[in-house]
Amino acid sequence: MDLNSKKTVAICESQPVTAEGLRSIVDRSADLTFLGHTDSLQSASELIRQSRPAVCLVDKSLGIQAVMDWLPSAKAASQQMTEFAVWGVSITEAEALRFLQSGAKGILRKTSDTKTVEACLEAVASGSSWMADSVFKDGQGPDRHGRSELTPREQQVLELVEQGLKNKDIARELGIRPGTVKIHLKHIFEKTGVRGRYGLALNVMRQKGLIEMAPAV
């Protein structure tokens, strides 16, 4: 493959040894080429502004809130030409959802093997959204049950969960008791195979095609 046709990868990683390992993974890819490594969000912004990589992989340990605040400005600095993936030793469902809502398109754990890392970077560099099933609690991906199994009331509750409403707000919106909301949520969890409201929101994004749930390889 022509080097000029490869997607460029920038890495914002706090640990130099880890960054070097990532560089080796990128160098082995037929579709990716390594652009540069920075160890801070500030220096990553400058690299992105100057070089506009196809994808930038960002270390969660630089600070969850700091990374979330930084993502929109970094996207603007690249003139919308760079996509972003976030990785960390552990990433909860709540964190994954917040990163995605802040503009990240890839969510990855540092425990992933090289093929998974490469698959994530290639997908995000191409403009796709990607997240490994392992981000779901206990490493369990969602069961492949559709929303069609939900009752109309459960559909309403799920839609309000998607909007970020808490149980008491859902109860007020639907004119029911908070305890009834909990019962509906219990049934939704059972039918979808997803545990927790953050997992529900991520699963809905997957079903709508907003993210690709990719099993670790």
N, C-alpha and C. Protein backbone atom coordinates (compact mmCIF):
# COMPACT_ATOMS: atom_id res chain seq x y z
N MET A 1 0.84 -1.20 0.00
CA MET A 1 0.00 0.00 0.00
C MET A 1 0.88 1.25 0.00
N ASP A 2 0.47 2.25 -0.79
CA ASP A 2 1.18 3.51 -0.84
C ASP A 2 1.14 4.18 0.52
N LEU A 3 2.30 4.62 1.00
CA LEU A 3 2.39 5.25 2.32
C LEU A 3 1.45 6.42 2.43
N ASN A 4 1.27 7.16 1.33
CA ASN A 4 0.41 8.35 1.36
C ASN A 4 -1.06 8.01 1.53
N SER A 5 -1.42 6.76 1.27
CA SER A 5 -2.82 6.35 1.40
C SER A 5 -3.13 5.82 2.79
N LYS A 6 -2.11 5.68 3.63
CA LYS A 6 -2.33 5.20 4.99
C LYS A 6 -2.92 6.29 5.87
N LYS A 7 -3.71 5.86 6.86
CA LYS A 7 -4.29 6.78 7.83
C LYS A 7 -3.28 7.09 8.93
N THR A 8 -3.11 8.36 9.24
CA THR A 8 -2.11 8.77 10.22
C THR A 8 -2.66 8.68 11.64
N VAL A 9 -1.78 8.28 12.57
CA VAL A 9 -2.17 8.07 13.96
C VAL A 9 -1.29 8.90 14.88
N ALA A 10 -1.92 9.69 15.74
CA ALA A 10 -1.21 10.40 16.80
C ALA A 10 -1.58 9.75 18.13
N ILE A 11 -0.64 9.76 19.07
CA ILE A 11 -0.86 9.14 20.37
C ILE A 11 -0.58 10.15 21.48
N CYS A 12 -1.57 10.31 22.35
CA CYS A 12 -1.39 11.16 23.53
C CYS A 12 -1.42 10.23 24.74
N GLU A 13 -0.24 9.84 25.19
CA GLU A 13 -0.09 8.78 26.20
C GLU A 13 0.92 9.21 27.25
N SER A 14 0.56 9.02 28.52
CA SER A 14 1.40 9.49 29.62
C SER A 14 2.63 8.63 29.85
N GLN A 15 2.60 7.36 29.41
CA GLN A 15 3.72 6.45 29.66
C GLN A 15 4.52 6.22 28.38
N PRO A 16 5.79 6.65 28.34
CA PRO A 16 6.60 6.51 27.12
C PRO A 16 6.72 5.07 26.62
N VAL A 17 6.88 4.12 27.53
CA VAL A 17 7.02 2.72 27.11
C VAL A 17 5.74 2.24 26.43
N THR A 18 4.60 2.62 26.98
CA THR A 18 3.32 2.25 26.38
C THR A 18 3.18 2.89 25.01
N ALA A 19 3.58 4.14 24.90
CA ALA A 19 3.52 4.84 23.61
C ALA A 19 4.38 4.14 22.57
N GLU A 20 5.53 3.66 23.00
CA GLU A 20 6.41 2.96 22.06
C GLU A 20 5.77 1.65 21.59
N GLY A 21 5.09 0.98 22.50
CA GLY A 21 4.37 -0.24 22.12
C GLY A 21 3.27 0.04 21.12
N LEU A 22 2.58 1.15 21.32
CA LEU A 22 1.53 1.55 20.37
C LEU A 22 2.13 1.87 19.01
N ARG A 23 3.27 2.51 19.04
CA ARG A 23 3.94 2.83 17.77
C ARG A 23 4.27 1.55 16.99
N SER A 24 4.71 0.53 17.70
CA SER A 24 5.03 -0.74 17.05
C SER A 24 3.79 -1.37 16.42
N ILE A 25 2.66 -1.27 17.13
CA ILE A 25 1.41 -1.81 16.59
C ILE A 25 1.02 -1.07 15.31
N VAL A 26 1.12 0.26 15.36
CA VAL A 26 0.77 1.07 14.19
C VAL A 26 1.69 0.78 13.02
N ASP A 27 2.96 0.63 13.31
CA ASP A 27 3.94 0.39 12.25
C ASP A 27 3.70 -0.94 11.53
N ARG A 28 3.09 -1.90 12.24
CA ARG A 28 2.83 -3.20 11.62
C ARG A 28 1.55 -3.21 10.78
N SER A 29 0.75 -2.17 10.93
CA SER A 29 -0.53 -2.13 10.22
C SER A 29 -0.34 -1.77 8.75
N ALA A 30 -1.12 -2.41 7.91
CA ALA A 30 -1.07 -2.11 6.48
C ALA A 30 -1.83 -0.84 6.14
N ASP A 31 -2.67 -0.39 7.08
CA ASP A 31 -3.54 0.75 6.79
C ASP A 31 -3.21 2.00 7.60
N LEU A 32 -2.30 1.88 8.57
CA LEU A 32 -2.00 2.99 9.47
C LEU A 32 -0.53 3.37 9.40
N THR A 33 -0.24 4.62 9.72
CA THR A 33 1.14 5.06 9.85
C THR A 33 1.26 5.99 11.05
N PHE A 34 2.34 5.85 11.80
CA PHE A 34 2.54 6.62 13.03
C PHE A 34 2.93 8.05 12.70
N LEU A 35 2.24 9.00 13.33
CA LEU A 35 2.52 10.42 13.09
C LEU A 35 3.35 11.05 14.20
N GLY A 36 2.97 10.77 15.43
CA GLY A 36 3.71 11.38 16.54
C GLY A 36 3.12 11.03 17.88
N HIS A 37 3.90 11.28 18.94
CA HIS A 37 3.49 10.98 20.31
C HIS A 37 3.67 12.22 21.17
N THR A 38 2.67 12.51 21.98
CA THR A 38 2.77 13.57 22.98
C THR A 38 2.36 12.98 24.32
N ASP A 39 2.73 13.67 25.41
CA ASP A 39 2.39 13.16 26.74
C ASP A 39 1.48 14.11 27.51
N SER A 40 0.90 15.09 26.81
CA SER A 40 -0.03 16.02 27.46
C SER A 40 -1.09 16.45 26.46
N LEU A 41 -2.23 16.86 26.98
CA LEU A 41 -3.31 17.33 26.11
C LEU A 41 -2.92 18.61 25.39
N GLN A 42 -2.17 19.46 26.06
CA GLN A 42 -1.76 20.72 25.45
C GLN A 42 -0.87 20.47 24.22
N SER A 43 0.11 19.60 24.37
CA SER A 43 1.00 19.33 23.25
C SER A 43 0.27 18.54 22.16
N ALA A 44 -0.71 17.72 22.57
CA ALA A 44 -1.51 17.00 21.58
C ALA A 44 -2.32 17.98 20.73
N SER A 45 -2.82 19.02 21.36
CA SER A 45 -3.58 20.04 20.62
C SER A 45 -2.73 20.67 19.53
N GLU A 46 -1.48 20.95 19.86
CA GLU A 46 -0.58 21.56 18.89
C GLU A 46 -0.27 20.60 17.74
N LEU A 47 -0.03 19.34 18.08
CA LEU A 47 0.23 18.34 17.05
C LEU A 47 -0.96 18.19 16.11
N ILE A 48 -2.13 18.16 16.70
CA ILE A 48 -3.36 18.01 15.90
C ILE A 48 -3.58 19.23 15.01
N ARG A 49 -3.33 20.39 15.56
CA ARG A 49 -3.52 21.63 14.79
C ARG A 49 -2.57 21.67 13.59
N GLN A 50 -1.35 21.22 13.79
CA GLN A 50 -0.35 21.30 12.73
C GLN A 50 -0.48 20.17 11.70
N SER A 51 -0.79 18.95 12.19
CA SER A 51 -0.69 17.79 11.31
C SER A 51 -2.02 17.12 10.97
N ARG A 52 -3.05 17.36 11.75
CA ARG A 52 -4.39 16.81 11.51
C ARG A 52 -4.38 15.31 11.21
N PRO A 53 -3.99 14.52 12.20
CA PRO A 53 -3.99 13.06 12.00
C PRO A 53 -5.40 12.53 11.78
N ALA A 54 -5.49 11.36 11.19
CA ALA A 54 -6.81 10.74 10.99
C ALA A 54 -7.43 10.34 12.32
N VAL A 55 -6.57 9.88 13.25
CA VAL A 55 -7.05 9.45 14.56
C VAL A 55 -6.02 9.80 15.62
N CYS A 56 -6.52 10.16 16.79
CA CYS A 56 -5.65 10.41 17.95
C CYS A 56 -6.15 9.54 19.10
N LEU A 57 -5.27 8.70 19.62
CA LEU A 57 -5.59 7.85 20.77
C LEU A 57 -5.15 8.56 22.04
N VAL A 58 -6.09 8.76 22.96
CA VAL A 58 -5.85 9.58 24.16
C VAL A 58 -5.92 8.73 25.42
N ASP A 59 -4.98 8.96 26.30
CA ASP A 59 -4.87 8.23 27.56
C ASP A 59 -5.86 8.80 28.58
N LYS A 60 -6.76 7.96 29.07
CA LYS A 60 -7.74 8.38 30.07
C LYS A 60 -7.08 8.89 31.34
N SER A 61 -5.88 8.38 31.67
CA SER A 61 -5.22 8.75 32.92
C SER A 61 -4.78 10.21 32.95
N LEU A 62 -4.88 10.90 31.82
CA LEU A 62 -4.60 12.33 31.81
C LEU A 62 -5.69 13.12 32.52
N GLY A 63 -6.76 12.42 32.88
CA GLY A 63 -7.85 13.05 33.63
C GLY A 63 -9.17 12.92 32.90
N ILE A 64 -10.14 12.26 33.51
CA ILE A 64 -11.41 12.01 32.84
C ILE A 64 -12.08 13.31 32.42
N GLN A 65 -12.25 14.22 33.36
CA GLN A 65 -12.91 15.49 33.04
C GLN A 65 -12.07 16.32 32.08
N ALA A 66 -10.75 16.30 32.29
CA ALA A 66 -9.86 17.06 31.41
C ALA A 66 -9.96 16.57 29.97
N VAL A 67 -10.00 15.25 29.79
CA VAL A 67 -10.11 14.70 28.43
C VAL A 67 -11.46 15.05 27.82
N MET A 68 -12.54 14.93 28.61
CA MET A 68 -13.87 15.26 28.09
C MET A 68 -13.96 16.72 27.68
N ASP A 69 -13.38 17.60 28.49
CA ASP A 69 -13.40 19.02 28.16
C ASP A 69 -12.55 19.32 26.93
N TRP A 70 -11.49 18.54 26.75
CA TRP A 70 -10.53 18.79 25.68
C TRP A 70 -11.01 18.32 24.32
N LEU A 71 -11.76 17.24 24.28
CA LEU A 71 -12.15 16.62 23.02
C LEU A 71 -12.82 17.58 22.02
N PRO A 72 -13.83 18.36 22.42
CA PRO A 72 -14.46 19.25 21.43
C PRO A 72 -13.50 20.29 20.85
N SER A 73 -12.63 20.84 21.70
CA SER A 73 -11.69 21.85 21.21
C SER A 73 -10.63 21.22 20.31
N ALA A 74 -10.23 19.99 20.63
CA ALA A 74 -9.25 19.31 19.79
C ALA A 74 -9.85 18.99 18.43
N LYS A 75 -11.11 18.61 18.42
CA LYS A 75 -11.80 18.33 17.16
C LYS A 75 -11.85 19.60 16.31
N ALA A 76 -12.14 20.72 16.95
CA ALA A 76 -12.18 21.99 16.23
C ALA A 76 -10.79 22.38 15.72
N ALA A 77 -9.77 22.12 16.53
CA ALA A 77 -8.40 22.48 16.13
C ALA A 77 -7.96 21.71 14.88
N SER A 78 -8.51 20.52 14.70
CA SER A 78 -8.16 19.71 13.52
C SER A 78 -9.03 20.07 12.32
N GLN A 79 -9.91 21.07 12.51
CA GLN A 79 -10.88 21.43 11.47
C GLN A 79 -11.74 20.23 11.09
N GLN A 80 -12.12 19.48 12.12
CA GLN A 80 -13.01 18.32 12.00
C GLN A 80 -12.38 17.17 11.21
N MET A 81 -11.05 17.18 11.05
CA MET A 81 -10.39 16.15 10.25
C MET A 81 -9.85 14.99 11.09
N THR A 82 -9.83 15.15 12.41
CA THR A 82 -9.29 14.11 13.29
C THR A 82 -10.41 13.47 14.12
N GLU A 83 -10.39 12.14 14.19
CA GLU A 83 -11.29 11.42 15.08
C GLU A 83 -10.50 10.98 16.31
N PHE A 84 -11.22 10.69 17.39
CA PHE A 84 -10.55 10.42 18.66
C PHE A 84 -11.01 9.10 19.29
N ALA A 85 -10.04 8.41 19.87
CA ALA A 85 -10.32 7.22 20.66
C ALA A 85 -9.70 7.43 22.05
N VAL A 86 -10.38 6.92 23.06
CA VAL A 86 -9.89 7.04 24.44
C VAL A 86 -9.65 5.64 24.98
N TRP A 87 -8.52 5.46 25.68
CA TRP A 87 -8.28 4.16 26.29
C TRP A 87 -7.76 4.31 27.70
N GLY A 88 -7.92 3.26 28.48
CA GLY A 88 -7.46 3.28 29.86
C GLY A 88 -7.37 1.87 30.39
N VAL A 89 -6.70 1.72 31.52
CA VAL A 89 -6.57 0.40 32.15
C VAL A 89 -7.96 -0.16 32.45
N SER A 90 -8.83 0.70 32.91
CA SER A 90 -10.23 0.33 33.11
C SER A 90 -11.09 1.50 32.66
N ILE A 91 -12.19 1.18 32.02
CA ILE A 91 -13.15 2.20 31.60
C ILE A 91 -14.54 1.68 31.93
N THR A 92 -15.27 2.40 32.76
CA THR A 92 -16.61 1.98 33.14
C THR A 92 -17.60 2.35 32.05
N GLU A 93 -18.79 1.77 32.14
CA GLU A 93 -19.85 2.11 31.19
C GLU A 93 -20.18 3.60 31.25
N ALA A 94 -20.22 4.14 32.48
CA ALA A 94 -20.54 5.56 32.64
C ALA A 94 -19.47 6.43 31.97
N GLU A 95 -18.21 6.07 32.16
CA GLU A 95 -17.13 6.83 31.54
C GLU A 95 -17.17 6.72 30.02
N ALA A 96 -17.41 5.50 29.53
CA ALA A 96 -17.48 5.29 28.08
C ALA A 96 -18.56 6.17 27.47
N LEU A 97 -19.73 6.21 28.11
CA LEU A 97 -20.84 7.01 27.61
C LEU A 97 -20.47 8.50 27.60
N ARG A 98 -19.83 8.95 28.66
CA ARG A 98 -19.46 10.37 28.75
C ARG A 98 -18.40 10.74 27.70
N PHE A 99 -17.45 9.84 27.45
CA PHE A 99 -16.45 10.11 26.42
C PHE A 99 -17.10 10.17 25.04
N LEU A 100 -18.00 9.24 24.76
CA LEU A 100 -18.69 9.24 23.47
C LEU A 100 -19.52 10.51 23.30
N GLN A 101 -20.19 10.92 24.36
CA GLN A 101 -21.00 12.14 24.30
C GLN A 101 -20.13 13.38 24.12
N SER A 102 -18.86 13.29 24.53
CA SER A 102 -17.94 14.43 24.38
C SER A 102 -17.27 14.48 23.01
N GLY A 103 -17.48 13.42 22.21
CA GLY A 103 -16.93 13.44 20.86
C GLY A 103 -15.99 12.32 20.49
N ALA A 104 -15.64 11.46 21.46
CA ALA A 104 -14.78 10.31 21.12
C ALA A 104 -15.56 9.34 20.24
N LYS A 105 -14.84 8.63 19.36
CA LYS A 105 -15.49 7.63 18.52
C LYS A 105 -15.00 6.22 18.82
N GLY A 106 -13.96 6.10 19.65
CA GLY A 106 -13.45 4.79 20.01
C GLY A 106 -13.23 4.69 21.50
N ILE A 107 -13.58 3.55 22.08
CA ILE A 107 -13.36 3.29 23.50
C ILE A 107 -12.65 1.95 23.62
N LEU A 108 -11.53 1.96 24.32
CA LEU A 108 -10.66 0.78 24.35
C LEU A 108 -10.02 0.64 25.72
N ARG A 109 -9.81 -0.62 26.14
CA ARG A 109 -9.09 -0.87 27.38
C ARG A 109 -7.64 -1.19 27.08
N LYS A 110 -6.75 -0.80 27.98
CA LYS A 110 -5.32 -1.06 27.78
C LYS A 110 -4.98 -2.54 27.92
N THR A 111 -5.93 -3.32 28.41
CA THR A 111 -5.72 -4.76 28.50
C THR A 111 -6.00 -5.46 27.17
N SER A 112 -6.43 -4.71 26.15
CA SER A 112 -6.73 -5.30 24.85
C SER A 112 -5.45 -5.81 24.18
N ASP A 113 -5.60 -6.82 23.34
CA ASP A 113 -4.43 -7.32 22.61
C ASP A 113 -4.17 -6.46 21.38
N THR A 114 -3.06 -6.73 20.71
CA THR A 114 -2.62 -5.86 19.62
C THR A 114 -3.61 -5.81 18.47
N LYS A 115 -4.24 -6.94 18.17
CA LYS A 115 -5.20 -6.97 17.06
C LYS A 115 -6.41 -6.10 17.36
N THR A 116 -6.83 -6.09 18.62
CA THR A 116 -7.98 -5.27 19.00
C THR A 116 -7.63 -3.79 18.92
N VAL A 117 -6.43 -3.43 19.39
CA VAL A 117 -5.99 -2.04 19.31
C VAL A 117 -5.95 -1.59 17.84
N GLU A 118 -5.38 -2.43 17.00
CA GLU A 118 -5.29 -2.10 15.58
C GLU A 118 -6.67 -1.95 14.95
N ALA A 119 -7.58 -2.86 15.30
CA ALA A 119 -8.93 -2.81 14.75
C ALA A 119 -9.65 -1.53 15.15
N CYS A 120 -9.47 -1.12 16.41
CA CYS A 120 -10.09 0.11 16.89
C CYS A 120 -9.55 1.32 16.14
N LEU A 121 -8.24 1.43 16.04
CA LEU A 121 -7.63 2.58 15.38
C LEU A 121 -8.03 2.65 13.91
N GLU A 122 -8.07 1.51 13.24
CA GLU A 122 -8.44 1.49 11.83
C GLU A 122 -9.89 1.92 11.64
N ALA A 123 -10.77 1.45 12.52
CA ALA A 123 -12.18 1.80 12.41
C ALA A 123 -12.41 3.29 12.65
N VAL A 124 -11.80 3.80 13.72
CA VAL A 124 -11.99 5.21 14.07
C VAL A 124 -11.35 6.12 13.02
N ALA A 125 -10.17 5.73 12.53
CA ALA A 125 -9.50 6.53 11.50
C ALA A 125 -10.34 6.63 10.23
N SER A 126 -11.19 5.62 10.01
CA SER A 126 -12.05 5.61 8.83
C SER A 126 -13.38 6.30 9.07
N GLY A 127 -13.56 6.83 10.29
CA GLY A 127 -14.77 7.57 10.60
C GLY A 127 -15.86 6.78 11.29
N SER A 128 -15.58 5.50 11.60
CA SER A 128 -16.57 4.67 12.29
C SER A 128 -16.41 4.81 13.80
N SER A 129 -17.49 4.53 14.51
CA SER A 129 -17.42 4.48 15.97
C SER A 129 -17.23 3.04 16.40
N TRP A 130 -16.45 2.82 17.46
CA TRP A 130 -16.02 1.47 17.82
C TRP A 130 -15.87 1.36 19.32
N MET A 131 -16.36 0.24 19.87
CA MET A 131 -16.16 -0.03 21.29
C MET A 131 -16.18 -1.53 21.52
N ALA A 132 -15.24 -2.03 22.30
CA ALA A 132 -15.19 -3.45 22.59
C ALA A 132 -16.29 -3.83 23.59
N ASP A 133 -16.84 -5.02 23.42
CA ASP A 133 -17.84 -5.52 24.34
C ASP A 133 -17.32 -5.57 25.77
N SER A 134 -16.00 -5.68 25.92
CA SER A 134 -15.41 -5.82 27.25
C SER A 134 -15.64 -4.60 28.13
N VAL A 135 -16.05 -3.47 27.53
CA VAL A 135 -16.33 -2.28 28.32
C VAL A 135 -17.58 -2.50 29.17
N PHE A 136 -18.49 -3.38 28.69
CA PHE A 136 -19.66 -3.68 29.49
C PHE A 136 -19.24 -4.42 30.76
N LYS A 137 -20.00 -4.26 31.81
CA LYS A 137 -19.66 -4.84 33.11
C LYS A 137 -19.43 -6.34 33.00
N ASP A 138 -18.42 -6.81 33.74
CA ASP A 138 -18.06 -8.22 33.81
C ASP A 138 -17.65 -8.78 32.45
N GLY A 139 -17.32 -7.88 31.51
CA GLY A 139 -16.91 -8.34 30.20
C GLY A 139 -18.05 -8.94 29.40
N GLN A 140 -19.29 -8.73 29.84
CA GLN A 140 -20.43 -9.31 29.16
C GLN A 140 -21.03 -8.29 28.21
N GLY A 141 -21.05 -8.62 26.94
CA GLY A 141 -21.72 -7.77 25.99
C GLY A 141 -23.21 -7.92 26.14
N PRO A 142 -23.99 -7.02 25.53
CA PRO A 142 -25.43 -7.11 25.64
C PRO A 142 -25.96 -8.32 24.89
N ASP A 143 -26.99 -8.95 25.45
CA ASP A 143 -27.66 -10.00 24.69
C ASP A 143 -28.30 -9.38 23.48
N ARG A 144 -28.48 -10.15 22.46
CA ARG A 144 -28.98 -9.58 21.21
C ARG A 144 -30.50 -9.56 21.14
N HIS A 145 -31.14 -9.13 22.23
CA HIS A 145 -32.58 -8.98 22.23
C HIS A 145 -32.92 -7.57 21.79
N GLY A 146 -33.93 -7.41 21.00
CA GLY A 146 -34.29 -6.10 20.50
C GLY A 146 -35.27 -5.39 21.40
N ARG A 147 -35.49 -4.13 21.09
CA ARG A 147 -36.43 -3.33 21.85
C ARG A 147 -37.86 -3.79 21.61
N SER A 148 -38.10 -4.55 20.57
CA SER A 148 -39.46 -4.96 20.22
C SER A 148 -40.09 -5.81 21.33
N GLU A 149 -39.26 -6.41 22.19
CA GLU A 149 -39.79 -7.24 23.26
C GLU A 149 -40.31 -6.40 24.43
N LEU A 150 -40.02 -5.12 24.44
CA LEU A 150 -40.45 -4.26 25.53
C LEU A 150 -41.91 -3.84 25.36
N THR A 151 -42.59 -3.67 26.49
CA THR A 151 -43.95 -3.15 26.45
C THR A 151 -43.91 -1.66 26.11
N PRO A 152 -45.04 -1.08 25.69
CA PRO A 152 -45.06 0.36 25.39
C PRO A 152 -44.55 1.21 26.55
N ARG A 153 -44.96 0.85 27.79
CA ARG A 153 -44.50 1.63 28.95
C ARG A 153 -43.00 1.47 29.16
N GLU A 154 -42.49 0.26 28.97
CA GLU A 154 -41.05 0.04 29.10
C GLU A 154 -40.29 0.82 28.02
N GLN A 155 -40.86 0.90 26.83
CA GLN A 155 -40.25 1.71 25.77
C GLN A 155 -40.16 3.17 26.20
N GLN A 156 -41.21 3.67 26.83
CA GLN A 156 -41.22 5.05 27.30
C GLN A 156 -40.14 5.28 28.35
N VAL A 157 -40.05 4.34 29.29
CA VAL A 157 -39.03 4.45 30.35
C VAL A 157 -37.64 4.44 29.72
N LEU A 158 -37.40 3.53 28.79
CA LEU A 158 -36.09 3.42 28.15
C LEU A 158 -35.73 4.71 27.42
N GLU A 159 -36.68 5.29 26.71
CA GLU A 159 -36.41 6.54 25.98
C GLU A 159 -36.02 7.66 26.93
N LEU A 160 -36.63 7.70 28.11
CA LEU A 160 -36.30 8.73 29.08
C LEU A 160 -34.94 8.46 29.74
N VAL A 161 -34.61 7.17 29.92
CA VAL A 161 -33.28 6.82 30.41
C VAL A 161 -32.23 7.29 29.41
N GLU A 162 -32.50 7.10 28.12
CA GLU A 162 -31.59 7.54 27.06
C GLU A 162 -31.34 9.04 27.15
N GLN A 163 -32.36 9.78 27.57
CA GLN A 163 -32.24 11.23 27.66
C GLN A 163 -31.51 11.67 28.93
N GLY A 164 -31.17 10.71 29.79
CA GLY A 164 -30.43 11.02 31.00
C GLY A 164 -31.27 11.32 32.22
N LEU A 165 -32.58 11.08 32.15
CA LEU A 165 -33.44 11.37 33.28
C LEU A 165 -33.25 10.35 34.39
N LYS A 166 -33.33 10.82 35.63
CA LYS A 166 -33.27 9.95 36.79
C LYS A 166 -34.65 9.37 37.07
N ASN A 167 -34.68 8.37 37.95
CA ASN A 167 -35.94 7.67 38.21
C ASN A 167 -37.05 8.60 38.66
N LYS A 168 -36.74 9.53 39.55
CA LYS A 168 -37.79 10.42 40.05
C LYS A 168 -38.30 11.34 38.94
N ASP A 169 -37.41 11.72 38.02
CA ASP A 169 -37.84 12.56 36.90
C ASP A 169 -38.67 11.77 35.90
N ILE A 170 -38.29 10.50 35.69
CA ILE A 170 -39.07 9.63 34.81
C ILE A 170 -40.46 9.43 35.39
N ALA A 171 -40.52 9.21 36.71
CA ALA A 171 -41.81 9.02 37.38
C ALA A 171 -42.70 10.25 37.21
N ARG A 172 -42.12 11.42 37.38
CA ARG A 172 -42.88 12.67 37.23
C ARG A 172 -43.36 12.85 35.80
N GLU A 173 -42.50 12.52 34.85
CA GLU A 173 -42.84 12.68 33.43
C GLU A 173 -43.98 11.75 33.02
N LEU A 174 -43.97 10.53 33.56
CA LEU A 174 -44.97 9.53 33.16
C LEU A 174 -46.16 9.44 34.12
N GLY A 175 -46.10 10.18 35.23
CA GLY A 175 -47.20 10.17 36.18
C GLY A 175 -47.32 8.86 36.94
N ILE A 176 -46.16 8.27 37.25
CA ILE A 176 -46.13 7.01 38.00
C ILE A 176 -45.20 7.16 39.20
N ARG A 177 -45.17 6.16 40.06
CA ARG A 177 -44.33 6.20 41.25
C ARG A 177 -42.88 5.81 40.89
N PRO A 178 -41.90 6.37 41.61
CA PRO A 178 -40.50 5.98 41.39
C PRO A 178 -40.29 4.47 41.53
N GLY A 179 -41.02 3.85 42.47
CA GLY A 179 -40.90 2.41 42.64
C GLY A 179 -41.36 1.65 41.41
N THR A 180 -42.36 2.19 40.72
CA THR A 180 -42.84 1.56 39.49
C THR A 180 -41.79 1.68 38.40
N VAL A 181 -41.08 2.80 38.37
CA VAL A 181 -40.00 2.99 37.41
C VAL A 181 -38.93 1.92 37.62
N LYS A 182 -38.61 1.65 38.89
CA LYS A 182 -37.60 0.63 39.20
C LYS A 182 -38.04 -0.74 38.69
N ILE A 183 -39.33 -1.04 38.83
CA ILE A 183 -39.84 -2.32 38.35
C ILE A 183 -39.70 -2.40 36.83
N HIS A 184 -40.06 -1.32 36.14
CA HIS A 184 -39.93 -1.30 34.68
C HIS A 184 -38.47 -1.47 34.26
N LEU A 185 -37.58 -0.80 34.97
CA LEU A 185 -36.15 -0.92 34.65
C LEU A 185 -35.66 -2.35 34.85
N LYS A 186 -36.12 -2.99 35.92
CA LYS A 186 -35.75 -4.38 36.17
C LYS A 186 -36.16 -5.26 34.99
N HIS A 187 -37.37 -5.05 34.48
CA HIS A 187 -37.84 -5.83 33.34
C HIS A 187 -37.05 -5.51 32.08
N ILE A 188 -36.69 -4.24 31.90
CA ILE A 188 -35.89 -3.84 30.73
C ILE A 188 -34.52 -4.50 30.78
N PHE A 189 -33.90 -4.50 31.97
CA PHE A 189 -32.59 -5.14 32.12
C PHE A 189 -32.69 -6.63 31.78
N GLU A 190 -33.74 -7.27 32.26
CA GLU A 190 -33.91 -8.71 32.02
C GLU A 190 -34.11 -8.99 30.53
N LYS A 191 -34.89 -8.16 29.86
CA LYS A 191 -35.22 -8.41 28.45
C LYS A 191 -34.07 -8.07 27.51
N THR A 192 -33.29 -7.05 27.87
CA THR A 192 -32.20 -6.64 26.99
C THR A 192 -30.90 -7.35 27.31
N GLY A 193 -30.79 -7.90 28.53
CA GLY A 193 -29.55 -8.53 28.94
C GLY A 193 -28.48 -7.53 29.33
N VAL A 194 -28.88 -6.27 29.49
CA VAL A 194 -27.93 -5.21 29.85
C VAL A 194 -28.10 -4.85 31.31
N ARG A 195 -26.99 -4.63 32.00
CA ARG A 195 -27.03 -4.30 33.42
C ARG A 195 -26.69 -2.83 33.61
N GLY A 196 -27.60 -2.07 34.19
CA GLY A 196 -27.31 -0.69 34.52
C GLY A 196 -27.78 0.28 33.45
N ARG A 197 -28.14 1.49 33.87
CA ARG A 197 -28.71 2.47 32.95
C ARG A 197 -27.68 2.99 31.96
N TYR A 198 -26.38 3.05 32.37
CA TYR A 198 -25.36 3.48 31.41
C TYR A 198 -25.19 2.42 30.31
N GLY A 199 -25.24 1.16 30.72
CA GLY A 199 -25.18 0.09 29.74
C GLY A 199 -26.36 0.15 28.78
N LEU A 200 -27.54 0.51 29.30
CA LEU A 200 -28.71 0.65 28.43
C LEU A 200 -28.48 1.72 27.38
N ALA A 201 -27.95 2.86 27.81
CA ALA A 201 -27.72 3.95 26.87
C ALA A 201 -26.70 3.55 25.80
N LEU A 202 -25.64 2.84 26.21
CA LEU A 202 -24.64 2.38 25.24
C LEU A 202 -25.24 1.35 24.29
N ASN A 203 -26.09 0.47 24.82
CA ASN A 203 -26.70 -0.54 23.97
C ASN A 203 -27.64 0.09 22.95
N VAL A 204 -28.35 1.12 23.36
CA VAL A 204 -29.24 1.82 22.43
C VAL A 204 -28.42 2.47 21.32
N MET A 205 -27.28 3.05 21.68
CA MET A 205 -26.41 3.65 20.66
C MET A 205 -25.94 2.59 19.68
N ARG A 206 -25.64 1.39 20.20
CA ARG A 206 -25.22 0.30 19.31
C ARG A 206 -26.36 -0.09 18.38
N GLN A 207 -27.56 -0.23 18.92
CA GLN A 207 -28.70 -0.65 18.11
C GLN A 207 -29.04 0.38 17.04
N LYS A 208 -28.79 1.64 17.34
CA LYS A 208 -29.07 2.69 16.36
C LYS A 208 -27.94 2.85 15.35
N GLY A 209 -26.89 2.04 15.52
CA GLY A 209 -25.77 2.12 14.59
C GLY A 209 -24.80 3.25 14.87
N LEU A 210 -24.92 3.85 16.07
CA LEU A 210 -24.04 4.97 16.40
C LEU A 210 -22.67 4.51 16.85
N ILE A 211 -22.58 3.28 17.37
CA ILE A 211 -21.29 2.69 17.70
C ILE A 211 -21.31 1.22 17.30
N GLU A 212 -20.15 0.72 16.93
CA GLU A 212 -20.00 -0.69 16.61
C GLU A 212 -19.45 -1.40 17.83
N MET A 213 -20.18 -2.40 18.33
CA MET A 213 -19.72 -3.18 19.44
C MET A 213 -18.86 -4.31 18.89
N ALA A 214 -17.57 -4.24 19.13
CA ALA A 214 -16.67 -5.21 18.53
C ALA A 214 -16.08 -6.10 19.62
N PRO A 215 -16.22 -7.41 19.50
CA PRO A 215 -15.64 -8.31 20.50
C PRO A 215 -14.13 -8.27 20.45
N ALA A 216 -13.49 -8.42 21.60
CA ALA A 216 -12.04 -8.50 21.63
C ALA A 216 -11.60 -9.75 20.89
N VAL A 217 -10.48 -9.63 20.17
CA VAL A 217 -9.99 -10.77 19.40
C VAL A 217 -8.70 -11.28 20.00
